[in-house]
Amino acid sequence: MSMSLDSHIEKVLWTQDQILDRVAQIASQITLDFKAAPDPPLFVGVANGAFLFLADLVKRVQFPLFVDLVRAQSYGSGTLSNGAPSISLDLKLDVKGKHVILVEDIVDTGCTLSCLIEHLEAKGVSSVSICAFLDKPTRRKVHIKLVGDGKFYKGFECPDYFVVGYGMDFAELYRNLPYIGVLKSEFY
């Protein structure tokens, strides 16, 4: 593996500055929407992809909040999900009666997200919002239904490229790129 990750990238879709501007806008919107809520919402990051987005987002939200992580795995190989995710790391905090904001790096088929929403519903949450950094509606296979008065926040609509960076990986690499780029096909 060459030391220059940048050389593996065909083009940059969103720069670090564009990303942080957009994260600040989403955080402002969430702050407006929830600052009057009687109880602090729980931000649940979907590991591992959402870890940078989650960190940048919660630093900019202007009210008390809880943070937890969950992991769902779609067992499959390569760049395609096999559409049957399972929960492999569960929440530590009790979510019964809470408002949950699920923080995702990217929504494509929607299968993982639907699985997580059902999982949270079974635990008795009062509502579920989605906060996805990237949305790839062209790849959607399932309709995502929010819970209660949940909202869908999204950073950018993503064209159907294989993207990496800002927490997103290919074979666990490239998560540390500060921008979002399209991976050259020879690397996957």
Protein backbone atom coordinates (compact mmCIF):
# COMPACT_ATOMS: atom_id res chain seq x y z
CA MET A 1 0.00 0.00 0.00
CA SER A 2 1.52 3.31 -0.97
CA MET A 3 1.92 5.90 1.74
CA SER A 4 -0.08 8.49 -0.15
CA LEU A 5 -3.75 7.72 0.30
CA ASP A 6 -4.63 10.73 -1.85
CA SER A 7 -3.21 8.98 -4.92
CA HIS A 8 -5.93 6.31 -4.55
CA ILE A 9 -8.68 8.89 -5.02
CA GLU A 10 -10.09 9.64 -8.46
CA LYS A 11 -11.79 12.86 -7.40
CA VAL A 12 -12.87 14.74 -4.29
CA LEU A 13 -16.64 15.16 -3.97
CA TRP A 14 -16.67 17.26 -0.78
CA THR A 15 -13.71 18.99 0.84
CA GLN A 16 -13.03 19.18 4.56
CA ASP A 17 -14.31 22.79 4.65
CA GLN A 18 -17.53 21.92 2.80
CA ILE A 19 -18.07 18.98 5.16
CA LEU A 20 -17.62 21.04 8.33
CA ASP A 21 -19.86 23.83 7.01
CA ARG A 22 -22.61 21.32 6.30
CA VAL A 23 -22.18 19.61 9.69
CA ALA A 24 -22.54 23.01 11.39
CA GLN A 25 -25.78 23.66 9.45
CA ILE A 26 -27.23 20.27 10.44
CA ALA A 27 -26.24 20.82 14.09
CA SER A 28 -27.99 24.22 14.04
CA GLN A 29 -31.14 22.65 12.63
CA ILE A 30 -31.11 19.87 15.26
CA THR A 31 -30.48 22.48 17.98
CA LEU A 32 -33.53 24.45 16.81
CA ASP A 33 -35.71 21.34 16.56
CA PHE A 34 -34.83 19.89 19.97
CA LYS A 35 -33.83 22.71 22.30
CA ALA A 36 -37.36 22.86 23.75
CA ALA A 37 -37.60 19.08 24.21
CA PRO A 38 -38.25 18.09 27.85
CA ASP A 39 -35.56 15.38 27.79
CA PRO A 40 -32.16 15.38 26.09
CA PRO A 41 -32.14 13.22 22.96
CA LEU A 42 -29.76 10.33 22.54
CA PHE A 43 -27.41 10.48 19.55
CA VAL A 44 -26.63 6.95 18.43
CA GLY A 45 -23.69 6.63 16.06
CA VAL A 46 -23.67 3.67 13.72
CA ALA A 47 -20.18 2.20 14.04
CA ASN A 48 -17.69 2.34 12.51
CA GLY A 49 -18.49 4.61 9.58
CA ALA A 50 -20.22 7.42 11.48
CA PHE A 51 -17.56 8.04 14.15
CA LEU A 52 -16.09 11.25 12.66
CA PHE A 53 -19.47 12.67 11.64
CA LEU A 54 -20.89 11.86 15.09
CA ALA A 55 -17.99 13.61 16.85
CA ASP A 56 -18.14 16.72 14.66
CA LEU A 57 -21.93 16.88 14.95
CA VAL A 58 -22.35 16.58 18.71
CA LYS A 59 -19.58 19.15 19.35
CA ARG A 60 -21.77 21.70 17.55
CA VAL A 61 -25.15 20.87 19.10
CA GLN A 62 -26.12 23.46 21.74
CA PHE A 63 -27.96 21.45 24.40
CA PRO A 64 -27.29 18.54 26.80
CA LEU A 65 -27.34 15.19 25.03
CA PHE A 66 -26.51 11.52 25.42
CA VAL A 67 -24.23 9.61 23.04
CA ASP A 68 -24.02 5.89 22.38
CA LEU A 69 -22.92 3.56 19.59
CA VAL A 70 -24.49 0.63 17.84
CA ARG A 71 -23.11 -1.65 15.17
CA ALA A 72 -25.03 -3.55 12.55
CA GLN A 73 -23.28 -5.86 10.17
CA SER A 74 -24.42 -6.83 6.72
CA TYR A 75 -22.60 -10.06 6.18
CA GLY A 76 -21.38 -10.02 2.65
CA SER A 77 -18.18 -9.38 0.80
CA GLY A 78 -16.79 -6.49 -1.13
CA THR A 79 -18.80 -3.38 -1.84
CA LEU A 80 -22.33 -4.84 -1.71
CA SER A 81 -24.53 -5.42 1.32
CA ASN A 82 -26.35 -8.73 1.28
CA GLY A 83 -29.45 -7.05 2.67
CA ALA A 84 -29.68 -9.06 5.91
CA PRO A 85 -28.06 -7.00 8.68
CA SER A 86 -27.84 -8.07 12.30
CA ILE A 87 -26.98 -6.11 15.45
CA SER A 88 -23.44 -7.00 16.49
CA LEU A 89 -22.87 -4.27 19.10
CA ASP A 90 -25.84 -3.10 21.13
CA LEU A 91 -26.50 0.13 22.98
CA LYS A 92 -25.20 0.60 26.50
CA LEU A 93 -27.81 3.21 27.51
CA ASP A 94 -31.48 2.52 28.13
CA VAL A 95 -33.50 4.13 25.34
CA LYS A 96 -37.03 3.43 26.60
CA GLY A 97 -39.13 6.58 26.19
CA LYS A 98 -36.21 8.53 24.71
CA HIS A 99 -35.89 10.40 21.47
CA VAL A 100 -33.11 8.79 19.43
CA ILE A 101 -31.20 10.45 16.61
CA LEU A 102 -29.52 7.70 14.59
CA VAL A 103 -26.31 9.08 13.08
CA GLU A 104 -25.26 7.29 9.89
CA ASP A 105 -22.40 7.92 7.47
CA ILE A 106 -24.37 6.90 4.40
CA VAL A 107 -27.81 5.54 3.57
CA ASP A 108 -27.97 3.50 0.40
CA THR A 109 -30.24 0.42 0.33
CA GLY A 110 -31.78 1.42 3.68
CA CYS A 111 -31.67 -2.19 4.95
CA THR A 112 -29.26 -1.50 7.84
CA LEU A 113 -31.20 1.58 8.89
CA SER A 114 -34.54 -0.25 8.81
CA CYS A 115 -33.07 -3.04 10.92
CA LEU A 116 -31.76 -0.50 13.47
CA ILE A 117 -35.07 1.38 13.60
CA GLU A 118 -36.98 -1.86 14.29
CA HIS A 119 -34.42 -2.71 16.98
CA LEU A 120 -34.94 0.70 18.66
CA GLU A 121 -38.73 0.44 18.37
CA ALA A 122 -38.58 -2.91 20.14
CA LYS A 123 -36.72 -1.19 23.00
CA GLY A 124 -39.56 1.31 23.40
CA VAL A 125 -38.09 4.58 22.11
CA SER A 126 -40.54 7.48 21.85
CA SER A 127 -39.21 8.57 18.45
CA VAL A 128 -36.39 8.02 15.98
CA SER A 129 -34.82 10.63 13.70
CA ILE A 130 -32.20 9.85 11.09
CA CYS A 131 -29.16 12.01 10.58
CA ALA A 132 -27.28 10.70 7.56
CA PHE A 133 -24.20 12.45 6.29
CA LEU A 134 -24.74 11.09 2.76
CA ASP A 135 -27.91 9.88 1.15
CA LYS A 136 -27.89 7.67 -1.96
CA PRO A 137 -31.58 7.48 -2.86
CA THR A 138 -30.85 5.81 -6.22
CA ARG A 139 -29.81 2.67 -4.32
CA ARG A 140 -32.81 2.48 -1.96
CA LYS A 141 -34.39 -0.95 -1.62
CA VAL A 142 -36.62 -0.42 1.41
CA HIS A 143 -38.79 2.47 2.50
CA ILE A 144 -37.37 3.99 5.68
CA LYS A 145 -40.08 4.81 8.16
CA LEU A 146 -39.30 7.15 11.02
CA VAL A 147 -40.79 6.64 14.48
CA GLY A 148 -42.99 9.14 16.29
CA ASP A 149 -42.26 12.70 15.23
CA GLY A 150 -38.82 11.79 13.92
CA LYS A 151 -37.13 13.79 11.15
CA PHE A 152 -34.67 12.91 8.39
CA TYR A 153 -31.59 15.14 8.37
CA LYS A 154 -29.07 14.71 5.59
CA GLY A 155 -25.78 16.26 4.67
CA PHE A 156 -25.44 15.71 0.96
CA GLU A 157 -27.13 13.65 -1.72
CA CYS A 158 -24.50 11.29 -3.05
CA PRO A 159 -24.23 10.18 -6.67
CA ASP A 160 -23.86 6.44 -7.15
CA TYR A 161 -20.07 6.30 -6.77
CA PHE A 162 -18.04 4.19 -4.39
CA VAL A 163 -17.00 6.83 -1.85
CA VAL A 164 -14.50 6.78 1.01
CA GLY A 165 -13.17 9.17 3.61
CA TYR A 166 -14.58 11.05 6.59
CA GLY A 167 -15.16 7.77 8.41
CA MET A 168 -16.16 5.71 5.39
CA ASP A 169 -13.97 2.84 4.37
CA PHE A 170 -13.13 0.25 1.83
CA ALA A 171 -11.87 -2.92 3.59
CA GLU A 172 -11.39 -0.78 6.74
CA LEU A 173 -8.99 1.64 4.99
CA TYR A 174 -9.43 5.32 4.01
CA ARG A 175 -11.57 6.29 7.04
CA ASN A 176 -8.96 8.88 8.03
CA LEU A 177 -9.21 10.99 4.86
CA PRO A 178 -10.57 14.41 5.90
CA TYR A 179 -12.64 14.75 2.70
CA ILE A 180 -15.02 12.49 0.78
CA GLY A 181 -13.62 11.09 -2.42
CA VAL A 182 -14.32 8.54 -5.10
CA LEU A 183 -12.02 5.53 -4.82
CA LYS A 184 -10.19 4.59 -8.04
CA SER A 185 -11.58 1.32 -9.34
CA GLU A 186 -8.17 -0.39 -9.25
CA PHE A 187 -8.28 -0.20 -5.44
CA TYR A 188 -11.50 -2.18 -4.91
